[in-house]
Amino acid sequence: MTDAPLSVGLFRFDLTVTDEIVLPPYKGFAFRGMFGTVLHELACVIPGDACPACPFRHTCTYAYLFETSPADGVDGFRRFSSFPRPYIIHPPRGDKRQFRRYDTMSFEFVMIGRANDCIHQVIMTFEEIGRRGMRNGTGRFLLDRVIAAGDEAQEQIIYRNGAFSGTAVPARNISLLQQMERKVTELTVTFHTPLLLEERGTILTEPPRFDFLFENLLRRITLLQYLHGGGEAETLQIDQLLEQAGRIKIKNADMRWQGMERISNRQQSRIKTGGLLGGITYTGELTPFVPYLRAGELLHVGKSTTFGFGGYIIWIH
């Protein structure tokens, strides 16, 4: 196992609206959809070819971010049908959906591990989206600046008014081996964006057992570290952790299912989706799990994380 932490870049994009923008109830669908469409157009060398068959897929930013897969010849991943993408979009916060000319707007873009090397392409993609508009040639904006946030509240403007600063980009480092200063026997996980989990082919609509939630989080962290970090994730004994997770109990939960619908630009169809929102309190010997849960606050958990799903905050009692 390696001691190398997984680096996470947190970037805030500040925009000024130049042409009225109307966003869907869950704004992440619009931002993720346009990002994928425009990046594909800008990056694709052989339009029309499927990414897995493209000879340039290993050097293509779009293939790396949207068609994530292990390198050819790497064993041990055959049991997985999909792999976590190394980015997350945090859409604009609040209930406001209609933005008029001269309104300002901000969203965050999280880049994980090696994906941080793609930040210039990501910024230029959103510059192009601003010129084209968010939907059917409408909803244009100017990208005023991009701010990178590192550890200890470090902030650095890396792009402003069409120019890159050329300075080093700060990042946050995730360590799973940090020691807790005190014993934790109760905590609450509050999901502020939808939690979408699937168990044996069935979408979970009830508050998740801790062992099931932790297993999904652990798998995500492990795959992100292996595919986008420096190799295997630093961790304690996995079997021991999973056994301990089974002894954690739900004390109470206040979660609700929120159904949603999004339009797939790729499939040209409407897709039903959704997730659980709200809080769930767990009790038991939670101390060894806190570093993983803290990591999940940055990395999210569950499906559709690129849209911003699976975002939460933990509260230690």
Protein backbone atom coordinates (compact mmCIF):
# COMPACT_ATOMS: atom_id res chain seq x y z
CA MET A 1 0.00 0.00 0.00
CA THR A 2 1.19 3.50 -0.75
CA ASP A 3 1.24 6.46 1.57
CA ALA A 4 0.70 8.87 -1.32
CA PRO A 5 -2.43 10.92 -0.67
CA LEU A 6 -5.03 11.49 -3.36
CA SER A 7 -4.95 15.10 -4.55
CA VAL A 8 -8.20 16.95 -5.16
CA GLY A 9 -8.46 20.25 -6.99
CA LEU A 10 -11.42 22.48 -6.11
CA PHE A 11 -12.05 25.22 -8.66
CA ARG A 12 -14.66 27.96 -8.49
CA PHE A 13 -15.87 29.43 -11.77
CA ASP A 14 -17.29 32.97 -11.52
CA LEU A 15 -19.54 34.00 -14.43
CA THR A 16 -21.42 37.08 -15.60
CA VAL A 17 -24.60 36.37 -17.53
CA THR A 18 -24.87 38.16 -20.89
CA ASP A 19 -28.02 36.46 -22.20
CA GLU A 20 -30.81 35.21 -19.95
CA ILE A 21 -30.20 31.70 -18.59
CA VAL A 22 -33.01 29.46 -17.32
CA LEU A 23 -31.74 26.33 -15.60
CA PRO A 24 -33.62 23.11 -14.73
CA PRO A 25 -34.67 22.41 -11.11
CA TYR A 26 -31.44 20.46 -10.60
CA LYS A 27 -28.86 22.74 -12.20
CA GLY A 28 -26.12 20.11 -12.37
CA PHE A 29 -27.84 18.44 -15.32
CA ALA A 30 -27.41 21.53 -17.51
CA PHE A 31 -23.77 22.15 -16.62
CA ARG A 32 -22.68 18.51 -16.96
CA GLY A 33 -24.64 18.09 -20.20
CA MET A 34 -23.13 21.10 -21.96
CA PHE A 35 -19.67 20.33 -20.64
CA GLY A 36 -19.74 16.84 -22.18
CA THR A 37 -21.17 18.00 -25.50
CA VAL A 38 -18.74 20.86 -26.06
CA LEU A 39 -15.64 19.09 -24.74
CA HIS A 40 -16.34 16.18 -27.11
CA GLU A 41 -16.57 18.55 -30.07
CA LEU A 42 -13.36 20.33 -29.11
CA ALA A 43 -11.31 17.26 -28.24
CA CYS A 44 -12.46 14.60 -30.70
CA VAL A 45 -9.86 13.84 -33.41
CA ILE A 46 -11.99 11.32 -35.30
CA PRO A 47 -15.65 12.41 -35.06
CA GLY A 48 -18.05 9.51 -35.30
CA ASP A 49 -15.73 6.88 -33.86
CA ALA A 50 -16.63 5.33 -30.50
CA CYS A 51 -14.09 6.18 -27.80
CA PRO A 52 -13.08 2.56 -26.96
CA ALA A 53 -12.06 1.96 -30.58
CA CYS A 54 -10.30 5.29 -31.11
CA PRO A 55 -6.49 5.03 -31.43
CA PHE A 56 -6.11 8.41 -29.68
CA ARG A 57 -8.22 7.55 -26.61
CA HIS A 58 -5.22 7.38 -24.26
CA THR A 59 -4.27 11.00 -24.97
CA CYS A 60 -7.78 12.44 -25.34
CA THR A 61 -9.14 14.62 -22.54
CA TYR A 62 -12.74 13.72 -23.37
CA ALA A 63 -12.08 9.98 -23.34
CA TYR A 64 -10.24 10.27 -20.04
CA LEU A 65 -12.94 12.31 -18.30
CA PHE A 66 -16.04 10.70 -19.83
CA GLU A 67 -15.04 7.17 -20.90
CA THR A 68 -12.83 6.31 -17.94
CA SER A 69 -11.33 2.83 -18.08
CA PRO A 70 -8.19 1.05 -16.83
CA ALA A 71 -5.13 1.06 -19.04
CA ASP A 72 -4.94 -1.77 -21.56
CA GLY A 73 -3.55 -4.94 -20.04
CA VAL A 74 -4.31 -3.98 -16.42
CA ASP A 75 -5.96 -6.91 -14.65
CA GLY A 76 -8.29 -6.96 -11.66
CA PHE A 77 -11.11 -4.78 -13.00
CA ARG A 78 -13.20 -7.27 -14.96
CA ARG A 79 -15.89 -7.42 -12.28
CA PHE A 80 -16.63 -3.70 -12.66
CA SER A 81 -19.03 -2.55 -15.38
CA SER A 82 -18.17 1.15 -14.98
CA PHE A 83 -15.48 3.26 -13.37
CA PRO A 84 -15.63 6.54 -11.46
CA ARG A 85 -14.96 9.64 -13.52
CA PRO A 86 -12.31 11.93 -12.01
CA TYR A 87 -14.42 15.06 -11.71
CA ILE A 88 -17.53 16.42 -9.99
CA ILE A 89 -19.57 19.50 -10.88
CA HIS A 90 -21.10 21.46 -7.99
CA PRO A 91 -23.85 23.50 -9.68
CA PRO A 92 -24.81 27.02 -8.53
CA ARG A 93 -26.31 26.91 -5.05
CA GLY A 94 -29.73 28.11 -4.01
CA ASP A 95 -33.17 27.91 -5.59
CA LYS A 96 -32.65 30.63 -8.20
CA ARG A 97 -33.08 29.22 -11.71
CA GLN A 98 -33.58 32.31 -13.86
CA PHE A 99 -30.53 34.50 -14.36
CA ARG A 100 -30.88 37.78 -16.25
CA ARG A 101 -28.29 39.82 -18.09
CA TYR A 102 -25.52 41.14 -15.80
CA ASP A 103 -26.43 38.67 -13.04
CA THR A 104 -23.47 36.83 -11.57
CA MET A 105 -23.29 33.10 -11.05
CA SER A 106 -20.73 30.67 -9.60
CA PHE A 107 -20.26 26.93 -9.74
CA GLU A 108 -17.49 24.60 -8.60
CA PHE A 109 -15.57 21.97 -10.50
CA VAL A 110 -13.74 19.25 -8.56
CA MET A 111 -10.86 17.44 -10.27
CA ILE A 112 -9.39 14.28 -8.79
CA GLY A 113 -5.81 13.03 -9.06
CA ARG A 114 -4.32 13.20 -12.57
CA ALA A 115 -7.44 14.98 -13.82
CA ASN A 116 -6.00 18.18 -12.34
CA ASP A 117 -3.70 18.25 -15.37
CA CYS A 118 -6.79 18.83 -17.53
CA ILE A 119 -7.89 22.06 -15.84
CA HIS A 120 -6.80 24.25 -18.76
CA GLN A 121 -8.94 22.23 -21.19
CA VAL A 122 -11.87 22.38 -18.78
CA ILE A 123 -11.60 26.17 -18.47
CA MET A 124 -11.42 26.66 -22.22
CA THR A 125 -14.43 24.37 -22.67
CA PHE A 126 -16.50 26.60 -20.40
CA GLU A 127 -15.23 29.66 -22.24
CA GLU A 128 -16.65 28.10 -25.40
CA ILE A 129 -19.92 27.20 -23.65
CA GLY A 130 -20.23 30.85 -22.63
CA ARG A 131 -19.89 31.92 -26.27
CA ARG A 132 -22.36 29.30 -27.56
CA GLY A 133 -24.91 29.51 -24.77
CA MET A 134 -26.24 26.96 -22.32
CA ARG A 135 -29.12 25.86 -24.56
CA ASN A 136 -29.89 26.17 -28.27
CA GLY A 137 -27.75 29.25 -28.74
CA THR A 138 -29.21 31.10 -25.74
CA GLY A 139 -28.00 31.52 -22.19
CA ARG A 140 -24.58 33.03 -22.85
CA PHE A 141 -22.14 34.18 -20.22
CA LEU A 142 -18.63 35.56 -19.70
CA LEU A 143 -16.17 33.56 -17.64
CA ASP A 144 -14.71 36.22 -15.35
CA ARG A 145 -12.27 34.16 -13.34
CA VAL A 146 -11.40 30.73 -11.95
CA ILE A 147 -10.17 30.36 -8.38
CA ALA A 148 -8.39 27.27 -7.05
CA ALA A 149 -8.79 26.41 -3.36
CA GLY A 150 -6.13 24.36 -1.59
CA ASP A 151 -5.49 23.13 1.95
CA GLU A 152 -5.75 25.55 4.86
CA ALA A 153 -8.09 27.87 2.95
CA GLN A 154 -5.44 28.76 0.36
CA GLU A 155 -6.93 30.43 -2.71
CA GLN A 156 -5.28 31.33 -5.97
CA ILE A 157 -6.75 33.03 -9.06
CA ILE A 158 -5.53 30.86 -11.93
CA TYR A 159 -7.55 32.40 -14.76
CA ARG A 160 -9.02 35.87 -15.23
CA ASN A 161 -10.45 37.74 -18.23
CA GLY A 162 -9.18 35.28 -20.79
CA ALA A 163 -5.68 34.75 -19.43
CA PHE A 164 -4.05 32.06 -17.28
CA SER A 165 -1.95 33.29 -14.36
CA GLY A 166 0.86 30.78 -14.78
CA THR A 167 1.08 30.25 -11.02
CA ALA A 168 1.11 26.88 -9.29
CA VAL A 169 -2.36 25.42 -8.72
CA PRO A 170 -3.08 24.56 -5.07
CA ALA A 171 -4.80 21.27 -4.28
CA ARG A 172 -6.17 19.43 -1.27
CA ASN A 173 -4.70 16.11 -0.21
CA ILE A 174 -6.79 13.26 1.15
CA SER A 175 -5.22 10.98 3.74
CA LEU A 176 -7.11 7.94 5.05
CA LEU A 177 -4.61 7.15 7.81
CA GLN A 178 -5.08 10.29 9.91
CA GLN A 179 -5.75 9.64 13.58
CA MET A 180 -8.86 10.93 15.32
CA GLU A 181 -8.19 12.93 18.48
CA ARG A 182 -11.21 11.46 20.23
CA LYS A 183 -13.45 8.43 20.04
CA VAL A 184 -16.53 8.82 17.85
CA THR A 185 -19.63 6.79 18.69
CA GLU A 186 -22.31 8.85 16.94
CA LEU A 187 -22.43 11.00 13.83
CA THR A 188 -24.92 12.31 11.29
CA VAL A 189 -24.47 12.24 7.52
CA THR A 190 -26.53 14.97 5.83
CA PHE A 191 -26.94 14.70 2.06
CA HIS A 192 -27.39 18.09 0.40
CA THR A 193 -27.45 16.61 -3.12
CA PRO A 194 -29.28 13.40 -4.10
CA LEU A 195 -27.80 10.09 -2.96
CA LEU A 196 -28.34 7.52 -5.72
CA LEU A 197 -27.40 3.97 -4.71
CA GLU A 198 -28.27 0.65 -6.28
CA GLU A 199 -28.37 -2.67 -4.45
CA ARG A 200 -28.64 -5.86 -6.52
CA GLY A 201 -30.12 -3.98 -9.45
CA THR A 202 -32.69 -2.07 -7.38
CA ILE A 203 -32.51 1.66 -6.67
CA LEU A 204 -32.33 2.29 -2.93
CA THR A 205 -35.23 4.47 -1.74
CA GLU A 206 -34.75 3.94 2.01
CA PRO A 207 -31.97 5.29 4.27
CA PRO A 208 -28.87 3.13 3.64
CA ARG A 209 -27.38 0.75 6.19
CA PHE A 210 -23.97 2.00 7.26
CA ASP A 211 -22.11 -1.05 5.93
CA PHE A 212 -23.72 -0.61 2.49
CA LEU A 213 -22.95 3.11 2.39
CA PHE A 214 -19.38 2.54 3.55
CA GLU A 215 -18.80 -0.28 1.05
CA ASN A 216 -19.85 2.00 -1.80
CA LEU A 217 -17.67 4.82 -0.50
CA LEU A 218 -14.67 2.55 -0.01
CA ARG A 219 -14.99 1.13 -3.52
CA ARG A 220 -15.18 4.63 -4.99
CA ILE A 221 -12.13 5.87 -3.09
CA THR A 222 -10.14 2.76 -4.00
CA LEU A 223 -10.94 3.00 -7.72
CA LEU A 224 -10.30 6.75 -7.84
CA GLN A 225 -6.91 6.27 -6.21
CA TYR A 226 -5.98 3.38 -8.50
CA LEU A 227 -7.22 4.90 -11.77
CA HIS A 228 -6.46 8.57 -11.18
CA GLY A 229 -4.04 8.71 -8.23
CA GLY A 230 -0.73 7.06 -7.51
CA GLY A 231 -1.81 3.43 -7.26
CA GLU A 232 -3.48 1.56 -4.45
CA ALA A 233 -5.25 3.62 -1.80
CA GLU A 234 -3.70 3.98 1.62
CA THR A 235 -6.04 2.14 3.95
CA LEU A 236 -6.37 0.01 7.03
CA GLN A 237 -7.36 -3.67 6.79
CA ILE A 238 -10.34 -3.65 4.43
CA ASP A 239 -11.89 -6.92 5.62
CA GLN A 240 -11.68 -5.75 9.22
CA LEU A 241 -13.29 -2.40 8.36
CA LEU A 242 -16.15 -4.04 6.46
CA GLU A 243 -16.80 -6.39 9.36
CA GLN A 244 -16.85 -3.47 11.80
CA ALA A 245 -19.16 -1.52 9.49
CA GLY A 246 -21.76 -4.25 9.82
CA ARG A 247 -22.04 -3.50 13.55
CA ILE A 248 -22.91 0.19 13.07
CA LYS A 249 -26.60 0.89 13.63
CA ILE A 250 -29.04 3.53 12.40
CA LYS A 251 -30.25 5.66 15.32
CA ASN A 252 -32.66 7.78 13.31
CA ALA A 253 -33.12 9.09 9.79
CA ASP A 254 -34.99 11.91 8.10
CA MET A 255 -34.50 11.24 4.40
CA ARG A 256 -36.84 11.57 1.44
CA TRP A 257 -36.71 10.41 -2.14
CA GLN A 258 -36.63 13.19 -4.73
CA GLY A 259 -37.55 12.10 -8.24
CA MET A 260 -35.99 13.97 -11.17
CA GLU A 261 -35.78 13.89 -14.94
CA ARG A 262 -32.89 14.90 -17.14
CA ILE A 263 -32.39 15.22 -20.87
CA SER A 264 -29.53 13.16 -22.28
CA ASN A 265 -27.77 15.01 -25.11
CA ARG A 266 -26.08 11.78 -26.16
CA GLN A 267 -29.21 9.62 -26.22
CA GLN A 268 -31.59 12.46 -27.18
CA SER A 269 -34.08 11.21 -24.59
CA ARG A 270 -35.50 11.98 -21.17
CA ILE A 271 -34.12 9.88 -18.33
CA LYS A 272 -35.84 9.31 -15.00
CA THR A 273 -33.51 9.61 -12.02
CA GLY A 274 -33.40 10.95 -8.48
CA GLY A 275 -31.96 10.27 -5.05
CA LEU A 276 -32.29 10.52 -1.30
CA LEU A 277 -31.93 13.86 0.46
CA GLY A 278 -31.69 14.55 4.19
CA GLY A 279 -29.86 13.23 7.23
CA ILE A 280 -29.16 9.87 8.83
CA THR A 281 -27.59 9.32 12.25
CA TYR A 282 -25.40 6.27 12.90
CA THR A 283 -24.18 4.89 16.25
CA GLY A 284 -21.40 2.49 17.14
CA GLU A 285 -17.60 2.42 17.01
CA LEU A 286 -17.28 4.95 14.21
CA THR A 287 -13.77 6.24 14.89
CA PRO A 288 -11.92 4.32 12.12
CA PHE A 289 -14.50 5.35 9.53
CA VAL A 290 -14.25 9.11 10.03
CA PRO A 291 -11.26 9.66 7.66
CA TYR A 292 -13.15 7.86 4.88
CA LEU A 293 -16.31 9.85 5.52
CA ARG A 294 -14.28 13.06 5.52
CA ALA A 295 -12.78 12.04 2.17
CA GLY A 296 -16.29 11.43 0.87
CA GLU A 297 -17.23 15.03 1.66
CA LEU A 298 -14.87 15.95 -1.21
CA LEU A 299 -15.33 12.87 -3.40
CA HIS A 300 -19.08 12.20 -2.93
CA VAL A 301 -20.61 8.72 -3.00
CA GLY A 302 -23.01 6.72 -5.17
CA LYS A 303 -24.02 7.14 -8.80
CA SER A 304 -24.16 10.28 -10.99
CA THR A 305 -21.47 12.07 -8.98
CA THR A 306 -20.32 13.98 -12.07
CA PHE A 307 -23.65 15.85 -11.91
CA GLY A 308 -22.94 16.66 -8.25
CA PHE A 309 -24.99 13.79 -6.76
CA GLY A 310 -23.95 12.15 -3.50
CA GLY A 311 -22.68 15.29 -1.77
CA TYR A 312 -22.85 15.33 2.01
CA ILE A 313 -21.51 16.79 5.25
CA ILE A 314 -20.83 14.78 8.41
CA TRP A 315 -21.60 16.09 11.90
CA ILE A 316 -19.79 14.41 14.77
CA HIS A 317 -21.82 14.44 17.99
